[in-house]
């Protein structure tokens, strides 16, 4: 199987069904420290040494999101923490794209 980090996001339309809960549980095992939220999103909080580092990370995530055409919800809080939530809004649930982007974000944070 090709790792999520080597795949690319593909457009999802409203007629694409969200992933089944079992598939989401299987996929979440392949990405580091992300948690499944109510079967409709995945989320992870990243901790940085300071505000500048957290902001630089957000900018890198933004570049990846633009390239992939899949955009996360980003929150910078506590001056050094970034929370990222991924969900495919067009289908009101999770798609492969969410796991692909999560894996690519993890690579940036290494």
C-alpha atoms as a PDB file:
ATOM      1  CA  UNK A   1       0.000   0.000   0.000  1.00  0.00           C
ATOM      2  CA  UNK A   2       1.259   3.492  -0.858  1.00  0.00           C
ATOM      3  CA  UNK A   3       1.791   5.639   2.276  1.00  0.00           C
ATOM      4  CA  UNK A   4      -0.632   8.547   2.648  1.00  0.00           C
ATOM      5  CA  UNK A   5       2.263  11.018   2.538  1.00  0.00           C
ATOM      6  CA  UNK A   6       3.073   9.924  -1.046  1.00  0.00           C
ATOM      7  CA  UNK A   7      -0.502  10.322  -2.329  1.00  0.00           C
ATOM      8  CA  UNK A   8      -2.260  13.493  -3.491  1.00  0.00           C
ATOM      9  CA  UNK A   9      -5.677  14.838  -2.623  1.00  0.00           C
ATOM     10  CA  UNK A  10      -8.419  14.545  -5.211  1.00  0.00           C
ATOM     11  CA  UNK A  11     -11.529  16.733  -5.383  1.00  0.00           C
ATOM     12  CA  UNK A  12     -14.544  15.411  -3.480  1.00  0.00           C
ATOM     13  CA  UNK A  13     -18.036  16.290  -4.571  1.00  0.00           C
ATOM     14  CA  UNK A  14     -21.231  16.151  -2.529  1.00  0.00           C
ATOM     15  CA  UNK A  15     -22.172  12.789  -4.029  1.00  0.00           C
ATOM     16  CA  UNK A  16     -19.009  11.126  -2.652  1.00  0.00           C
ATOM     17  CA  UNK A  17     -19.876   9.228   0.532  1.00  0.00           C
ATOM     18  CA  UNK A  18     -17.782   9.844   3.649  1.00  0.00           C
ATOM     19  CA  UNK A  19     -15.542   7.044   4.849  1.00  0.00           C
ATOM     20  CA  UNK A  20     -17.169   4.347   6.953  1.00  0.00           C
ATOM     21  CA  UNK A  21     -16.239   4.429  10.634  1.00  0.00           C
ATOM     22  CA  UNK A  22     -14.296   1.160  10.297  1.00  0.00           C
ATOM     23  CA  UNK A  23     -12.173   2.602   7.472  1.00  0.00           C
ATOM     24  CA  UNK A  24     -11.494   5.787   9.467  1.00  0.00           C
ATOM     25  CA  UNK A  25     -10.376   3.683  12.442  1.00  0.00           C
ATOM     26  CA  UNK A  26      -8.081   1.696  10.146  1.00  0.00           C
ATOM     27  CA  UNK A  27      -6.623   4.836   8.529  1.00  0.00           C
ATOM     28  CA  UNK A  28      -6.064   6.696  11.832  1.00  0.00           C
ATOM     29  CA  UNK A  29      -3.568   3.958  12.781  1.00  0.00           C
ATOM     30  CA  UNK A  30      -1.368   5.052   9.866  1.00  0.00           C
ATOM     31  CA  UNK A  31      -0.879   8.642  11.022  1.00  0.00           C
ATOM     32  CA  UNK A  32       0.922   9.759  14.168  1.00  0.00           C
ATOM     33  CA  UNK A  33      -0.925  11.239  17.175  1.00  0.00           C
ATOM     34  CA  UNK A  34      -4.102  12.234  15.313  1.00  0.00           C
ATOM     35  CA  UNK A  35      -7.425  11.471  16.980  1.00  0.00           C
ATOM     36  CA  UNK A  36     -10.782  10.699  15.463  1.00  0.00           C
ATOM     37  CA  UNK A  37     -13.487  13.229  16.406  1.00  0.00           C
ATOM     38  CA  UNK A  38     -17.077  11.945  16.211  1.00  0.00           C
ATOM     39  CA  UNK A  39     -16.347   9.971  13.014  1.00  0.00           C
ATOM     40  CA  UNK A  40     -16.406  13.215  11.012  1.00  0.00           C
ATOM     41  CA  UNK A  41     -12.976  14.784  11.622  1.00  0.00           C
ATOM     42  CA  UNK A  42      -9.435  14.102  12.732  1.00  0.00           C
ATOM     43  CA  UNK A  43      -7.451  16.433  14.954  1.00  0.00           C
ATOM     44  CA  UNK A  44      -3.990  16.916  16.357  1.00  0.00           C
ATOM     45  CA  UNK A  45      -2.346  19.542  18.564  1.00  0.00           C
ATOM     46  CA  UNK A  46       1.287  20.476  17.934  1.00  0.00           C
ATOM     47  CA  UNK A  47       3.522  22.123  20.553  1.00  0.00           C
ATOM     48  CA  UNK A  48       6.365  24.515  19.634  1.00  0.00           C
ATOM     49  CA  UNK A  49       9.092  26.309  21.557  1.00  0.00           C
ATOM     50  CA  UNK A  50       7.679  29.772  20.789  1.00  0.00           C
ATOM     51  CA  UNK A  51       5.153  31.813  18.831  1.00  0.00           C
ATOM     52  CA  UNK A  52       7.479  32.368  15.873  1.00  0.00           C
ATOM     53  CA  UNK A  53       8.013  28.624  15.388  1.00  0.00           C
ATOM     54  CA  UNK A  54       4.266  27.937  15.654  1.00  0.00           C
ATOM     55  CA  UNK A  55       3.493  30.621  13.089  1.00  0.00           C
ATOM     56  CA  UNK A  56       6.158  29.297  10.689  1.00  0.00           C
ATOM     57  CA  UNK A  57       4.566  25.842  10.976  1.00  0.00           C
ATOM     58  CA  UNK A  58       1.135  27.266  10.135  1.00  0.00           C
ATOM     59  CA  UNK A  59       2.591  28.896   7.030  1.00  0.00           C
ATOM     60  CA  UNK A  60       4.142  25.589   5.920  1.00  0.00           C
ATOM     61  CA  UNK A  61       0.829  23.810   6.482  1.00  0.00           C
ATOM     62  CA  UNK A  62      -0.879  26.518   4.434  1.00  0.00           C
ATOM     63  CA  UNK A  63       1.487  25.912   1.518  1.00  0.00           C
ATOM     64  CA  UNK A  64       0.795  22.180   1.585  1.00  0.00           C
ATOM     65  CA  UNK A  65      -2.951  22.754   1.840  1.00  0.00           C
ATOM     66  CA  UNK A  66      -2.901  25.065  -1.179  1.00  0.00           C
ATOM     67  CA  UNK A  67      -0.875  22.564  -3.229  1.00  0.00           C
ATOM     68  CA  UNK A  68      -3.243  19.749  -2.317  1.00  0.00           C
ATOM     69  CA  UNK A  69      -6.426  21.820  -2.650  1.00  0.00           C
ATOM     70  CA  UNK A  70      -7.622  20.610   0.757  1.00  0.00           C
ATOM     71  CA  UNK A  71      -7.774  23.097   3.611  1.00  0.00           C
ATOM     72  CA  UNK A  72      -7.698  22.368   7.355  1.00  0.00           C
ATOM     73  CA  UNK A  73      -9.142  24.336  10.224  1.00  0.00           C
ATOM     74  CA  UNK A  74      -6.157  25.885  12.030  1.00  0.00           C
ATOM     75  CA  UNK A  75      -6.001  27.349  15.538  1.00  0.00           C
ATOM     76  CA  UNK A  76      -2.978  29.031  17.109  1.00  0.00           C
ATOM     77  CA  UNK A  77      -3.421  29.263  20.870  1.00  0.00           C
ATOM     78  CA  UNK A  78      -1.432  29.595  24.067  1.00  0.00           C
ATOM     79  CA  UNK A  79       1.308  31.347  22.059  1.00  0.00           C
ATOM     80  CA  UNK A  80       2.984  28.056  21.101  1.00  0.00           C
ATOM     81  CA  UNK A  81       0.287  25.519  20.268  1.00  0.00           C
ATOM     82  CA  UNK A  82      -1.357  24.778  16.936  1.00  0.00           C
ATOM     83  CA  UNK A  83      -4.490  22.665  16.655  1.00  0.00           C
ATOM     84  CA  UNK A  84      -5.355  21.279  13.237  1.00  0.00           C
ATOM     85  CA  UNK A  85      -8.714  19.745  12.413  1.00  0.00           C
ATOM     86  CA  UNK A  86      -9.321  17.988   9.126  1.00  0.00           C
ATOM     87  CA  UNK A  87     -12.680  17.100   7.626  1.00  0.00           C
ATOM     88  CA  UNK A  88     -14.059  17.080   4.111  1.00  0.00           C
ATOM     89  CA  UNK A  89     -16.790  19.696   4.410  1.00  0.00           C
ATOM     90  CA  UNK A  90     -18.348  18.914   1.003  1.00  0.00           C
ATOM     91  CA  UNK A  91     -19.302  15.421   2.211  1.00  0.00           C
ATOM     92  CA  UNK A  92     -19.771  16.285   5.905  1.00  0.00           C
ATOM     93  CA  UNK A  93     -17.277  13.656   7.008  1.00  0.00           C
ATOM     94  CA  UNK A  94     -13.896  12.120   6.368  1.00  0.00           C
ATOM     95  CA  UNK A  95     -12.312  11.234   3.050  1.00  0.00           C
ATOM     96  CA  UNK A  96      -8.922   9.881   2.029  1.00  0.00           C
ATOM     97  CA  UNK A  97      -7.884  13.533   1.553  1.00  0.00           C
ATOM     98  CA  UNK A  98      -7.988  14.162   5.298  1.00  0.00           C
ATOM     99  CA  UNK A  99      -5.535  11.352   6.009  1.00  0.00           C
ATOM    100  CA  UNK A 100      -3.318  12.329   3.083  1.00  0.00           C
ATOM    101  CA  UNK A 101      -3.054  15.911   4.323  1.00  0.00           C
ATOM    102  CA  UNK A 102      -2.485  14.757   7.923  1.00  0.00           C
ATOM    103  CA  UNK A 103       0.441  12.578   6.795  1.00  0.00           C
ATOM    104  CA  UNK A 104       1.939  15.450   4.797  1.00  0.00           C
ATOM    105  CA  UNK A 105       1.577  17.773   7.815  1.00  0.00           C
ATOM    106  CA  UNK A 106       3.334  15.201   9.985  1.00  0.00           C
ATOM    107  CA  UNK A 107       6.268  15.191   7.576  1.00  0.00           C
ATOM    108  CA  UNK A 108       6.627  18.983   7.935  1.00  0.00           C
ATOM    109  CA  UNK A 109       6.739  18.657  11.712  1.00  0.00           C
ATOM    110  CA  UNK A 110       9.583  16.111  11.792  1.00  0.00           C
END
